C-alpha atoms as a PDB file:
ATOM      1  CA  MET A   1     -30.881  27.487  16.963  1.00  0.00           C
ATOM      2  CA  ASP A   2     -30.292  24.038  18.488  1.00  0.00           C
ATOM      3  CA  TRP A   3     -32.482  22.472  15.807  1.00  0.00           C
ATOM      4  CA  LEU A   4     -30.348  23.944  12.995  1.00  0.00           C
ATOM      5  CA  GLY A   5     -27.154  22.760  14.691  1.00  0.00           C
ATOM      6  CA  ASP A   6     -28.604  19.259  14.973  1.00  0.00           C
ATOM      7  CA  ASN A   7     -29.905  19.231  11.384  1.00  0.00           C
ATOM      8  CA  LEU A   8     -27.268  21.139   9.468  1.00  0.00           C
ATOM      9  CA  TRP A   9     -27.384  18.433   6.808  1.00  0.00           C
ATOM     10  CA  LEU A  10     -30.774  19.883   5.785  1.00  0.00           C
ATOM     11  CA  ALA A  11     -29.204  23.251   5.139  1.00  0.00           C
ATOM     12  CA  TRP A  12     -26.588  21.522   2.974  1.00  0.00           C
ATOM     13  CA  MET A  13     -29.367  19.733   1.060  1.00  0.00           C
ATOM     14  CA  GLY A  14     -31.167  23.037   0.584  1.00  0.00           C
ATOM     15  CA  LEU A  15     -27.985  24.536  -0.780  1.00  0.00           C
ATOM     16  CA  ALA A  16     -27.532  21.498  -3.060  1.00  0.00           C
ATOM     17  CA  LEU A  17     -31.078  21.971  -4.480  1.00  0.00           C
ATOM     18  CA  VAL A  18     -30.429  25.644  -5.179  1.00  0.00           C
ATOM     19  CA  LEU A  19     -27.134  24.807  -6.937  1.00  0.00           C
ATOM     20  CA  ILE A  20     -28.670  22.100  -9.128  1.00  0.00           C
ATOM     21  CA  ALA A  21     -31.536  24.495 -10.061  1.00  0.00           C
ATOM     22  CA  ILE A  22     -28.956  27.093 -11.148  1.00  0.00           C
ATOM     23  CA  GLU A  23     -27.109  24.415 -13.142  1.00  0.00           C
ATOM     24  CA  ALA A  24     -30.334  23.575 -14.923  1.00  0.00           C
ATOM     25  CA  MET A  25     -30.528  27.191 -16.073  1.00  0.00           C
ATOM     26  CA  THR A  26     -26.853  27.662 -16.990  1.00  0.00           C
ATOM     27  CA  VAL A  27     -25.765  24.154 -18.165  1.00  0.00           C
ATOM     28  CA  ASP A  28     -22.108  25.068 -17.713  1.00  0.00           C
ATOM     29  CA  PHE A  29     -21.219  22.088 -15.502  1.00  0.00           C
ATOM     30  CA  VAL A  30     -19.889  24.303 -12.684  1.00  0.00           C
ATOM     31  CA  PHE A  31     -22.898  24.383 -10.384  1.00  0.00           C
ATOM     32  CA  VAL A  32     -23.384  20.627 -10.682  1.00  0.00           C
ATOM     33  CA  MET A  33     -19.848  20.219  -9.334  1.00  0.00           C
ATOM     34  CA  LEU A  34     -20.672  22.598  -6.486  1.00  0.00           C
ATOM     35  CA  PHE A  35     -23.819  20.497  -5.971  1.00  0.00           C
ATOM     36  CA  GLY A  36     -21.622  17.446  -5.500  1.00  0.00           C
ATOM     37  CA  GLY A  37     -19.598  19.322  -2.878  1.00  0.00           C
ATOM     38  CA  ALA A  38     -22.771  20.374  -1.076  1.00  0.00           C
ATOM     39  CA  LEU A  39     -23.947  16.743  -1.028  1.00  0.00           C
ATOM     40  CA  MET A  40     -20.625  15.697   0.539  1.00  0.00           C
ATOM     41  CA  GLY A  41     -21.024  18.524   3.090  1.00  0.00           C
ATOM     42  CA  ALA A  42     -24.500  17.173   3.872  1.00  0.00           C
ATOM     43  CA  LEU A  43     -23.057  13.647   4.280  1.00  0.00           C
ATOM     44  CA  ALA A  44     -20.361  14.962   6.623  1.00  0.00           C
ATOM     45  CA  ALA A  45     -23.023  16.830   8.630  1.00  0.00           C
ATOM     46  CA  ALA A  46     -25.222  13.709   8.807  1.00  0.00           C
ATOM     47  CA  LEU A  47     -22.201  11.762  10.129  1.00  0.00           C
ATOM     48  CA  GLY A  48     -21.739  14.370  12.889  1.00  0.00           C
ATOM     49  CA  ALA A  49     -18.639  16.142  11.629  1.00  0.00           C
ATOM     50  CA  PRO A  50     -17.966  19.622  12.986  1.00  0.00           C
ATOM     51  CA  VAL A  51     -19.093  22.563  10.819  1.00  0.00           C
ATOM     52  CA  VAL A  52     -15.502  23.457   9.867  1.00  0.00           C
ATOM     53  CA  LEU A  53     -14.860  19.913   8.611  1.00  0.00           C
ATOM     54  CA  GLN A  54     -18.199  19.966   6.671  1.00  0.00           C
ATOM     55  CA  VAL A  55     -17.114  23.096   4.856  1.00  0.00           C
ATOM     56  CA  VAL A  56     -13.612  21.726   4.163  1.00  0.00           C
ATOM     57  CA  VAL A  57     -15.080  18.516   2.775  1.00  0.00           C
ATOM     58  CA  ALA A  58     -17.588  20.397   0.612  1.00  0.00           C
ATOM     59  CA  VAL A  59     -14.904  22.741  -0.783  1.00  0.00           C
ATOM     60  CA  ILE A  60     -12.332  19.957  -1.506  1.00  0.00           C
ATOM     61  CA  VAL A  61     -14.880  17.767  -3.201  1.00  0.00           C
ATOM     62  CA  ALA A  62     -16.259  20.649  -5.297  1.00  0.00           C
ATOM     63  CA  LEU A  63     -12.729  21.747  -6.341  1.00  0.00           C
ATOM     64  CA  LEU A  64     -11.771  18.155  -7.276  1.00  0.00           C
ATOM     65  CA  LEU A  65     -14.932  17.747  -9.308  1.00  0.00           C
ATOM     66  CA  ILE A  66     -14.317  21.059 -11.067  1.00  0.00           C
ATOM     67  CA  ALA A  67     -10.673  20.208 -11.788  1.00  0.00           C
ATOM     68  CA  VAL A  68     -11.087  16.519 -12.767  1.00  0.00           C
ATOM     69  CA  VAL A  69     -14.662  15.725 -13.827  1.00  0.00           C
ATOM     70  CA  ARG A  70     -15.807  18.964 -15.441  1.00  0.00           C
ATOM     71  CA  PRO A  71     -13.166  19.006 -18.211  1.00  0.00           C
ATOM     72  CA  ILE A  72     -14.073  15.467 -19.163  1.00  0.00           C
ATOM     73  CA  ILE A  73     -17.793  16.292 -19.312  1.00  0.00           C
ATOM     74  CA  LYS A  74     -17.179  19.539 -21.233  1.00  0.00           C
ATOM     75  CA  ARG A  75     -15.065  17.711 -23.813  1.00  0.00           C
ATOM     76  CA  GLN A  76     -17.758  15.070 -24.281  1.00  0.00           C
ATOM     77  CA  PHE A  77     -20.556  17.596 -24.724  1.00  0.00           C
ATOM     78  CA  THR A  78     -18.624  19.918 -26.957  1.00  0.00           C
ATOM     79  CA  ASN A  79     -17.080  17.210 -29.180  1.00  0.00           C
ATOM     80  CA  PRO A  80     -18.397  17.825 -32.703  1.00  0.00           C
ATOM     81  CA  ALA A  81     -17.700  14.224 -33.688  1.00  0.00           C
ATOM     82  CA  ALA A  82     -19.869  12.964 -30.846  1.00  0.00           C
ATOM     83  CA  SER A  83     -22.760  15.192 -31.857  1.00  0.00           C
ATOM     84  CA  ALA A  84     -22.500  14.576 -35.598  1.00  0.00           C
ATOM     85  CA  ASP A  85     -25.135  11.846 -35.400  1.00  0.00           C
ATOM     86  CA  ILE A  86     -27.798  14.147 -33.890  1.00  0.00           C
ATOM     87  CA  GLY A  87     -29.661  17.114 -35.253  1.00  0.00           C
ATOM     88  CA  SER A  88     -28.990  18.357 -38.745  1.00  0.00           C
ATOM     89  CA  GLY A  89     -25.573  16.727 -38.799  1.00  0.00           C
ATOM     90  CA  ALA A  90     -27.231  13.337 -38.903  1.00  0.00           C
ATOM     91  CA  LEU A  91     -29.010  14.196 -42.145  1.00  0.00           C
ATOM     92  CA  SER A  92     -25.890  14.481 -44.320  1.00  0.00           C
ATOM     93  CA  GLY A  93     -25.603  11.513 -46.586  1.00  0.00           C
ATOM     94  CA  ARG A  94     -29.263  10.509 -46.251  1.00  0.00           C
ATOM     95  CA  SER A  95     -31.681  10.080 -49.127  1.00  0.00           C
ATOM     96  CA  ALA A  96     -34.544  12.435 -49.798  1.00  0.00           C
ATOM     97  CA  ARG A  97     -37.376  12.610 -52.351  1.00  0.00           C
ATOM     98  CA  VAL A  98     -37.907  15.775 -54.431  1.00  0.00           C
ATOM     99  CA  LEU A  99     -41.359  17.318 -53.941  1.00  0.00           C
ATOM    100  CA  GLU A 100     -40.852  20.532 -55.946  1.00  0.00           C
ATOM    101  CA  THR A 101     -38.131  21.026 -58.569  1.00  0.00           C
ATOM    102  CA  VAL A 102     -34.840  21.712 -56.814  1.00  0.00           C
ATOM    103  CA  THR A 103     -32.641  24.326 -58.497  1.00  0.00           C
ATOM    104  CA  GLU A 104     -29.609  26.336 -57.424  1.00  0.00           C
ATOM    105  CA  THR A 105     -31.917  28.756 -55.635  1.00  0.00           C
ATOM    106  CA  ASP A 106     -35.090  26.863 -54.465  1.00  0.00           C
ATOM    107  CA  GLY A 107     -36.966  23.603 -54.131  1.00  0.00           C
ATOM    108  CA  ARG A 108     -38.562  21.233 -51.673  1.00  0.00           C
ATOM    109  CA  VAL A 109     -37.649  17.725 -50.610  1.00  0.00           C
ATOM    110  CA  ARG A 110     -39.064  15.146 -48.218  1.00  0.00           C
ATOM    111  CA  LEU A 111     -36.266  14.357 -45.776  1.00  0.00           C
ATOM    112  CA  ALA A 112     -36.573  12.248 -42.638  1.00  0.00           C
ATOM    113  CA  GLY A 113     -40.374  12.534 -42.813  1.00  0.00           C
ATOM    114  CA  GLU A 114     -40.358  16.333 -43.014  1.00  0.00           C
ATOM    115  CA  THR A 115     -40.537  18.858 -45.848  1.00  0.00           C
ATOM    116  CA  TRP A 116     -37.277  20.783 -46.240  1.00  0.00           C
ATOM    117  CA  SER A 117     -36.319  23.675 -48.454  1.00  0.00           C
ATOM    118  CA  ALA A 118     -33.533  22.480 -50.722  1.00  0.00           C
ATOM    119  CA  ARG A 119     -31.105  23.574 -53.421  1.00  0.00           C
ATOM    120  CA  VAL A 120     -28.451  21.958 -55.530  1.00  0.00           C
ATOM    121  CA  PRO A 121     -24.825  23.152 -55.511  1.00  0.00           C
ATOM    122  CA  ASP A 122     -23.865  25.841 -58.044  1.00  0.00           C
ATOM    123  CA  GLY A 123     -23.451  24.372 -61.525  1.00  0.00           C
ATOM    124  CA  SER A 124     -25.399  21.177 -60.736  1.00  0.00           C
ATOM    125  CA  PRO A 125     -28.428  20.163 -62.778  1.00  0.00           C
ATOM    126  CA  ALA A 126     -31.907  20.658 -61.317  1.00  0.00           C
ATOM    127  CA  CYS A 127     -33.705  17.731 -59.681  1.00  0.00           C
ATOM    128  CA  GLU A 128     -37.282  16.998 -60.814  1.00  0.00           C
ATOM    129  CA  PRO A 129     -40.196  15.965 -58.522  1.00  0.00           C
ATOM    130  CA  GLY A 130     -40.177  12.281 -57.643  1.00  0.00           C
ATOM    131  CA  THR A 131     -36.383  12.019 -58.012  1.00  0.00           C
ATOM    132  CA  GLU A 132     -34.378  10.371 -55.242  1.00  0.00           C
ATOM    133  CA  VAL A 133     -31.562  12.683 -54.092  1.00  0.00           C
ATOM    134  CA  ARG A 134     -28.723  12.516 -51.593  1.00  0.00           C
ATOM    135  CA  VAL A 135     -28.146  15.209 -48.942  1.00  0.00           C
ATOM    136  CA  LEU A 136     -24.685  16.667 -49.184  1.00  0.00           C
ATOM    137  CA  SER A 137     -25.047  19.033 -46.216  1.00  0.00           C
ATOM    138  CA  ILE A 138     -27.428  21.235 -44.306  1.00  0.00           C
ATOM    139  CA  ASP A 139     -27.076  25.022 -44.654  1.00  0.00           C
ATOM    140  CA  GLY A 140     -29.268  26.591 -41.968  1.00  0.00           C
ATOM    141  CA  ALA A 141     -32.744  25.206 -42.764  1.00  0.00           C
ATOM    142  CA  THR A 142     -31.866  24.277 -46.372  1.00  0.00           C
ATOM    143  CA  ALA A 143     -30.719  20.904 -47.520  1.00  0.00           C
ATOM    144  CA  ILE A 144     -27.999  20.909 -50.199  1.00  0.00           C
ATOM    145  CA  VAL A 145     -28.759  17.930 -52.404  1.00  0.00           C
ATOM    146  CA  THR A 146     -27.527  16.138 -55.486  1.00  0.00           C
ATOM    147  CA  HIS A 147     -28.790  13.337 -57.714  1.00  0.00           C
ATOM    148  CA  GLN A 148     -28.304   9.886 -56.146  1.00  0.00           C
ATOM    149  CA  ASN A 149     -26.136   8.582 -58.976  1.00  0.00           C
ATOM    150  CA  LEU A 150     -23.799  11.584 -58.855  1.00  0.00           C
ATOM    151  CA  THR A 151     -20.896  11.679 -56.420  1.00  0.00           C
END
């Protein structure tokens, strides 16, 4: 029992590792804040603080991180404007080449080096193979396209 009392910082580090592993599975930015608190508890233990002070430091740091840092991170990761340039959102406005005639119901285009199913908006003319088209939007796994010279 003396060893654990002398090396309580290792218990804090073990707790920190468990918390960061849970965060990796949940990605909710709560357990990473608790991880920060556990790291500060480990630091307090390494500096020789009493157990009560270690717990107080860990809890205060974790609560501060949850109250101050977590909302900022959540806003950044859930901001649609910040994620518009990744994934399918980044494809809107790009050019594509028609591989199979694109109608209001079906077609294929080469977009960003991949073959995509495509369709034109209702009432728009079909696009013939070899035509350069512009992506208006992405609907699921289908690119909504129009002729380049149309707005």
